[in-house]
PDB file of N, CA and C in Angstrom:
ATOM      1  N   MET A   1       0.842  -1.171   0.000  1.00  0.00           N
ATOM      2  CA  MET A   1       0.000   0.000   0.000  1.00  0.00           C
ATOM      3  C   MET A   1       0.893   1.241   0.000  1.00  0.00           C
ATOM      4  N   THR A   2       1.001   1.846  -1.124  1.00  0.00           N
ATOM      5  CA  THR A   2       1.894   3.000  -1.255  1.00  0.00           C
ATOM      6  C   THR A   2       1.421   4.200  -0.445  1.00  0.00           C
ATOM      7  N   TRP A   3       0.142   4.276  -0.110  1.00  0.00           N
ATOM      8  CA  TRP A   3      -0.350   5.417   0.655  1.00  0.00           C
ATOM      9  C   TRP A   3      -0.167   5.211   2.157  1.00  0.00           C
ATOM     10  N   LEU A   4       0.414   4.087   2.571  1.00  0.00           N
ATOM     11  CA  LEU A   4       0.737   3.826   3.971  1.00  0.00           C
ATOM     12  C   LEU A   4       2.219   3.463   4.095  1.00  0.00           C
ATOM     13  N   PRO A   5       3.104   4.382   3.714  1.00  0.00           N
ATOM     14  CA  PRO A   5       4.536   4.054   3.712  1.00  0.00           C
ATOM     15  C   PRO A   5       5.036   3.743   5.125  1.00  0.00           C
ATOM     16  N   GLY A   6       5.881   2.738   5.198  1.00  0.00           N
ATOM     17  CA  GLY A   6       6.503   2.389   6.461  1.00  0.00           C
ATOM     18  C   GLY A   6       5.666   1.507   7.369  1.00  0.00           C
ATOM     19  N   GLN A   7       4.425   1.244   7.013  1.00  0.00           N
ATOM     20  CA  GLN A   7       3.586   0.379   7.839  1.00  0.00           C
ATOM     21  C   GLN A   7       3.713  -1.060   7.366  1.00  0.00           C
ATOM     22  N   THR A   8       3.881  -1.952   8.320  1.00  0.00           N
ATOM     23  CA  THR A   8       3.867  -3.377   8.016  1.00  0.00           C
ATOM     24  C   THR A   8       2.445  -3.861   8.215  1.00  0.00           C
ATOM     25  N   LEU A   9       1.901  -4.462   7.195  1.00  0.00           N
ATOM     26  CA  LEU A   9       0.511  -4.893   7.241  1.00  0.00           C
ATOM     27  C   LEU A   9       0.420  -6.409   7.255  1.00  0.00           C
ATOM     28  N   ASP A  10      -0.491  -6.912   8.087  1.00  0.00           N
ATOM     29  CA  ASP A  10      -0.791  -8.331   8.012  1.00  0.00           C
ATOM     30  C   ASP A  10      -1.912  -8.518   6.994  1.00  0.00           C
ATOM     31  N   ARG A  11      -2.380  -9.723   6.835  1.00  0.00           N
ATOM     32  CA  ARG A  11      -3.398 -10.007   5.831  1.00  0.00           C
ATOM     33  C   ARG A  11      -4.644  -9.145   6.035  1.00  0.00           C
ATOM     34  N   ASN A  12      -5.131  -9.068   7.257  1.00  0.00           N
ATOM     35  CA  ASN A  12      -6.371  -8.334   7.522  1.00  0.00           C
ATOM     36  C   ASN A  12      -6.222  -6.829   7.303  1.00  0.00           C
ATOM     37  N   THR A  13      -5.134  -6.244   7.782  1.00  0.00           N
ATOM     38  CA  THR A  13      -4.969  -4.802   7.587  1.00  0.00           C
ATOM     39  C   THR A  13      -4.692  -4.469   6.122  1.00  0.00           C
ATOM     40  N   ALA A  14      -4.067  -5.397   5.386  1.00  0.00           N
ATOM     41  CA  ALA A  14      -3.859  -5.167   3.951  1.00  0.00           C
ATOM     42  C   ALA A  14      -5.201  -5.127   3.220  1.00  0.00           C
ATOM     43  N   ILE A  15      -6.099  -6.028   3.591  1.00  0.00           N
ATOM     44  CA  ILE A  15      -7.428  -6.021   2.984  1.00  0.00           C
ATOM     45  C   ILE A  15      -8.156  -4.727   3.330  1.00  0.00           C
ATOM     46  N   THR A  16      -8.055  -4.314   4.580  1.00  0.00           N
ATOM     47  CA  THR A  16      -8.680  -3.058   5.001  1.00  0.00           C
ATOM     48  C   THR A  16      -8.082  -1.888   4.240  1.00  0.00           C
ATOM     49  N   ALA A  17      -6.764  -1.889   4.061  1.00  0.00           N
ATOM     50  CA  ALA A  17      -6.086  -0.796   3.358  1.00  0.00           C
ATOM     51  C   ALA A  17      -6.506  -0.713   1.892  1.00  0.00           C
ATOM     52  N   MET A  18      -6.969  -1.810   1.321  1.00  0.00           N
ATOM     53  CA  MET A  18      -7.471  -1.786  -0.047  1.00  0.00           C
ATOM     54  C   MET A  18      -8.956  -1.434  -0.084  1.00  0.00           C
ATOM     55  N   THR A  19      -9.693  -1.829   0.935  1.00  0.00           N
ATOM     56  CA  THR A  19     -11.134  -1.598   0.987  1.00  0.00           C
ATOM     57  C   THR A  19     -11.467  -0.132   1.231  1.00  0.00           C
ATOM     58  N   LEU A  20     -10.742   0.506   2.113  1.00  0.00           N
ATOM     59  CA  LEU A  20     -11.043   1.886   2.485  1.00  0.00           C
ATOM     60  C   LEU A  20     -11.018   2.848   1.300  1.00  0.00           C
ATOM     61  N   PRO A  21      -9.934   2.951   0.540  1.00  0.00           N
ATOM     62  CA  PRO A  21      -9.960   3.884  -0.597  1.00  0.00           C
ATOM     63  C   PRO A  21     -10.935   3.470  -1.687  1.00  0.00           C
ATOM     64  N   ASP A  22     -11.104   2.171  -1.867  1.00  0.00           N
ATOM     65  CA  ASP A  22     -12.037   1.698  -2.884  1.00  0.00           C
ATOM     66  C   ASP A  22     -13.467   2.119  -2.538  1.00  0.00           C
ATOM     67  N   THR A  23     -13.841   1.978  -1.295  1.00  0.00           N
ATOM     68  CA  THR A  23     -15.188   2.339  -0.857  1.00  0.00           C
ATOM     69  C   THR A  23     -15.408   3.845  -0.891  1.00  0.00           C
ATOM     70  N   THR A  24     -14.444   4.608  -0.434  1.00  0.00           N
ATOM     71  CA  THR A  24     -14.625   6.054  -0.366  1.00  0.00           C
ATOM     72  C   THR A  24     -14.580   6.711  -1.736  1.00  0.00           C
ATOM     73  N   ALA A  25     -13.971   6.059  -2.707  1.00  0.00           N
ATOM     74  CA  ALA A  25     -13.902   6.631  -4.054  1.00  0.00           C
ATOM     75  C   ALA A  25     -15.225   6.530  -4.791  1.00  0.00           C
ATOM     76  N   GLU A  26     -16.072   5.598  -4.390  1.00  0.00           N
ATOM     77  CA  GLU A  26     -17.289   5.330  -5.135  1.00  0.00           C
ATOM     78  C   GLU A  26     -18.493   6.153  -4.715  1.00  0.00           C
ATOM     79  N   CYS A  27     -18.468   6.748  -3.557  1.00  0.00           N
ATOM     80  CA  CYS A  27     -19.654   7.473  -3.112  1.00  0.00           C
ATOM     81  C   CYS A  27     -19.274   8.696  -2.287  1.00  0.00           C
ATOM     82  N   ASP A  28     -20.224   9.588  -2.127  1.00  0.00           N
ATOM     83  CA  ASP A  28     -20.028  10.814  -1.360  1.00  0.00           C
ATOM     84  C   ASP A  28     -20.311  10.523   0.108  1.00  0.00           C
ATOM     85  N   LEU A  29     -19.263  10.187   0.855  1.00  0.00           N
ATOM     86  CA  LEU A  29     -19.439   9.835   2.260  1.00  0.00           C
ATOM     87  C   LEU A  29     -19.455  11.062   3.150  1.00  0.00           C
ATOM     88  N   HIS A  30     -20.275  10.993   4.169  1.00  0.00           N
ATOM     89  CA  HIS A  30     -20.367  12.044   5.181  1.00  0.00           C
ATOM     90  C   HIS A  30     -20.810  11.372   6.466  1.00  0.00           C
ATOM     91  N   GLU A  31     -20.849  12.105   7.560  1.00  0.00           N
ATOM     92  CA  GLU A  31     -21.141  11.514   8.861  1.00  0.00           C
ATOM     93  C   GLU A  31     -22.469  10.786   8.933  1.00  0.00           C
ATOM     94  N   GLY A  32     -23.461  11.197   8.200  1.00  0.00           N
ATOM     95  CA  GLY A  32     -24.755  10.546   8.241  1.00  0.00           C
ATOM     96  C   GLY A  32     -24.907   9.371   7.287  1.00  0.00           C
ATOM     97  N   HIS A  33     -23.903   9.141   6.453  1.00  0.00           N
ATOM     98  CA  HIS A  33     -23.974   8.066   5.455  1.00  0.00           C
ATOM     99  C   HIS A  33     -23.991   6.711   6.152  1.00  0.00           C
ATOM    100  N   ARG A  34     -24.714   5.762   5.562  1.00  0.00           N
ATOM    101  CA  ARG A  34     -24.842   4.440   6.177  1.00  0.00           C
ATOM    102  C   ARG A  34     -23.511   3.694   6.280  1.00  0.00           C
ATOM    103  N   LEU A  35     -22.525   4.031   5.461  1.00  0.00           N
ATOM    104  CA  LEU A  35     -21.217   3.382   5.524  1.00  0.00           C
ATOM    105  C   LEU A  35     -20.250   4.066   6.493  1.00  0.00           C
ATOM    106  N   TRP A  36     -20.644   5.211   7.033  1.00  0.00           N
ATOM    107  CA  TRP A  36     -19.751   5.994   7.889  1.00  0.00           C
ATOM    108  C   TRP A  36     -19.160   5.185   9.052  1.00  0.00           C
ATOM    109  N   PRO A  37     -19.960   4.413   9.786  1.00  0.00           N
ATOM    110  CA  PRO A  37     -19.370   3.636  10.890  1.00  0.00           C
ATOM    111  C   PRO A  37     -18.295   2.657  10.417  1.00  0.00           C
ATOM    112  N   PHE A  38     -18.467   2.090   9.237  1.00  0.00           N
ATOM    113  CA  PHE A  38     -17.468   1.178   8.693  1.00  0.00           C
ATOM    114  C   PHE A  38     -16.185   1.927   8.340  1.00  0.00           C
ATOM    115  N   VAL A  39     -16.332   3.082   7.707  1.00  0.00           N
ATOM    116  CA  VAL A  39     -15.174   3.889   7.335  1.00  0.00           C
ATOM    117  C   VAL A  39     -14.383   4.281   8.581  1.00  0.00           C
ATOM    118  N   GLN A  40     -15.078   4.678   9.629  1.00  0.00           N
ATOM    119  CA  GLN A  40     -14.395   5.031  10.874  1.00  0.00           C
ATOM    120  C   GLN A  40     -13.662   3.822  11.458  1.00  0.00           C
ATOM    121  N   GLY A  41     -14.310   2.673  11.442  1.00  0.00           N
ATOM    122  CA  GLY A  41     -13.676   1.466  11.971  1.00  0.00           C
ATOM    123  C   GLY A  41     -12.456   1.047  11.173  1.00  0.00           C
ATOM    124  N   TRP A  42     -12.564   1.136   9.846  1.00  0.00           N
ATOM    125  CA  TRP A  42     -11.421   0.792   8.997  1.00  0.00           C
ATOM    126  C   TRP A  42     -10.269   1.756   9.232  1.00  0.00           C
ATOM    127  N   GLY A  43     -10.587   3.035   9.361  1.00  0.00           N
ATOM    128  CA  GLY A  43      -9.548   4.018   9.646  1.00  0.00           C
ATOM    129  C   GLY A  43      -8.854   3.737  10.971  1.00  0.00           C
ATOM    130  N   ALA A  44      -9.634   3.398  11.984  1.00  0.00           N
ATOM    131  CA  ALA A  44      -9.064   3.082  13.293  1.00  0.00           C
ATOM    132  C   ALA A  44      -8.183   1.839  13.222  1.00  0.00           C
ATOM    133  N   GLU A  45      -8.611   0.851  12.462  1.00  0.00           N
ATOM    134  CA  GLU A  45      -7.822  -0.374  12.312  1.00  0.00           C
ATOM    135  C   GLU A  45      -6.457  -0.075  11.708  1.00  0.00           C
ATOM    136  N   LEU A  46      -6.400   0.916  10.831  1.00  0.00           N
ATOM    137  CA  LEU A  46      -5.144   1.279  10.177  1.00  0.00           C
ATOM    138  C   LEU A  46      -4.367   2.343  10.947  1.00  0.00           C
ATOM    139  N   GLY A  47      -4.926   2.807  12.055  1.00  0.00           N
ATOM    140  CA  GLY A  47      -4.246   3.822  12.857  1.00  0.00           C
ATOM    141  C   GLY A  47      -4.306   5.207  12.258  1.00  0.00           C
ATOM    142  N   LEU A  48      -5.319   5.483  11.448  1.00  0.00           N
ATOM    143  CA  LEU A  48      -5.440   6.788  10.808  1.00  0.00           C
ATOM    144  C   LEU A  48      -6.105   7.786  11.755  1.00  0.00           C
ATOM    145  N   THR A  49      -5.601   8.995  11.760  1.00  0.00           N
ATOM    146  CA  THR A  49      -6.224  10.063  12.524  1.00  0.00           C
ATOM    147  C   THR A  49      -7.456  10.551  11.778  1.00  0.00           C
ATOM    148  N   ALA A  50      -8.278  11.330  12.450  1.00  0.00           N
ATOM    149  CA  ALA A  50      -9.457  11.906  11.802  1.00  0.00           C
ATOM    150  C   ALA A  50      -9.038  12.778  10.624  1.00  0.00           C
ATOM    151  N   GLU A  51      -7.922  13.494  10.771  1.00  0.00           N
ATOM    152  CA  GLU A  51      -7.427  14.356   9.686  1.00  0.00           C
ATOM    153  C   GLU A  51      -7.022  13.518   8.467  1.00  0.00           C
ATOM    154  N   ALA A  52      -6.310  12.434   8.704  1.00  0.00           N
ATOM    155  CA  ALA A  52      -5.894  11.567   7.599  1.00  0.00           C
ATOM    156  C   ALA A  52      -7.102  10.915   6.938  1.00  0.00           C
ATOM    157  N   LEU A  53      -8.043  10.501   7.743  1.00  0.00           N
ATOM    158  CA  LEU A  53      -9.255   9.896   7.200  1.00  0.00           C
ATOM    159  C   LEU A  53     -10.032  10.907   6.368  1.00  0.00           C
ATOM    160  N   GLY A  54     -10.016  12.161   6.777  1.00  0.00           N
ATOM    161  CA  GLY A  54     -10.696  13.216   6.037  1.00  0.00           C
ATOM    162  C   GLY A  54     -10.165  13.399   4.631  1.00  0.00           C
ATOM    163  N   GLN A  55      -8.908  13.043   4.407  1.00  0.00           N
ATOM    164  CA  GLN A  55      -8.335  13.157   3.067  1.00  0.00           C
ATOM    165  C   GLN A  55      -9.020  12.211   2.090  1.00  0.00           C
ATOM    166  N   PHE A  56      -9.496  11.088   2.584  1.00  0.00           N
ATOM    167  CA  PHE A  56     -10.227  10.164   1.724  1.00  0.00           C
ATOM    168  C   PHE A  56     -11.589  10.711   1.348  1.00  0.00           C
ATOM    169  N   LEU A  57     -12.101  11.587   2.172  1.00  0.00           N
ATOM    170  CA  LEU A  57     -13.464  12.055   1.977  1.00  0.00           C
ATOM    171  C   LEU A  57     -13.539  13.369   1.219  1.00  0.00           C
ATOM    172  N   GLU A  58     -12.400  13.961   0.902  1.00  0.00           N
ATOM    173  CA  GLU A  58     -12.400  15.194   0.121  1.00  0.00           C
ATOM    174  C   GLU A  58     -12.982  14.909  -1.254  1.00  0.00           C
ATOM    175  N   PRO A  59     -13.672  15.881  -1.824  1.00  0.00           N
ATOM    176  CA  PRO A  59     -14.173  15.665  -3.190  1.00  0.00           C
ATOM    177  C   PRO A  59     -13.025  15.350  -4.129  1.00  0.00           C
ATOM    178  N   LYS A  60     -13.221  14.377  -4.954  1.00  0.00           N
ATOM    179  CA  LYS A  60     -12.178  13.955  -5.886  1.00  0.00           C
ATOM    180  C   LYS A  60     -12.105  14.943  -7.054  1.00  0.00           C
ATOM    181  N   ARG A  61     -10.867  15.324  -7.386  1.00  0.00           N
ATOM    182  CA  ARG A  61     -10.638  16.227  -8.512  1.00  0.00           C
ATOM    183  C   ARG A  61     -10.032  15.438  -9.658  1.00  0.00           C
ATOM    184  N   PRO A  62     -10.268  15.879 -10.867  1.00  0.00           N
ATOM    185  CA  PRO A  62      -9.609  15.225 -11.997  1.00  0.00           C
ATOM    186  C   PRO A  62      -8.100  15.269 -11.832  1.00  0.00           C
ATOM    187  N   ARG A  63      -7.402  14.274 -12.329  1.00  0.00           N
ATOM    188  CA  ARG A  63      -5.951  14.174 -12.167  1.00  0.00           C
ATOM    189  C   ARG A  63      -5.202  15.417 -12.640  1.00  0.00           C
ATOM    190  N   ASP A  64      -5.658  16.058 -13.708  1.00  0.00           N
ATOM    191  CA  ASP A  64      -4.922  17.202 -14.239  1.00  0.00           C
ATOM    192  C   ASP A  64      -5.047  18.435 -13.354  1.00  0.00           C
ATOM    193  N   GLN A  65      -5.929  18.434 -12.380  1.00  0.00           N
ATOM    194  CA  GLN A  65      -6.075  19.583 -11.488  1.00  0.00           C
ATOM    195  C   GLN A  65      -5.357  19.380 -10.167  1.00  0.00           C
ATOM    196  N   ARG A  66      -4.724  18.234  -9.961  1.00  0.00           N
ATOM    197  CA  ARG A  66      -4.029  17.964  -8.689  1.00  0.00           C
ATOM    198  C   ARG A  66      -2.691  18.603  -8.638  1.00  0.00           C
TER     199      ARG A  66
END
């Protein structure tokens, strides 16, 4: 997982590290969204702070505008 440099992942955290960005990329998540509790749990499993988790939830911009 290139977005988690320096972290050693076991099988379960590797799956979580792939699930989190995949899930957040597909829908507009916010605190009231039905998937929100899962996103928070996955973030906690990976040791992500609320600020780091918020980066996944920012509106996605086209690649040429990054």
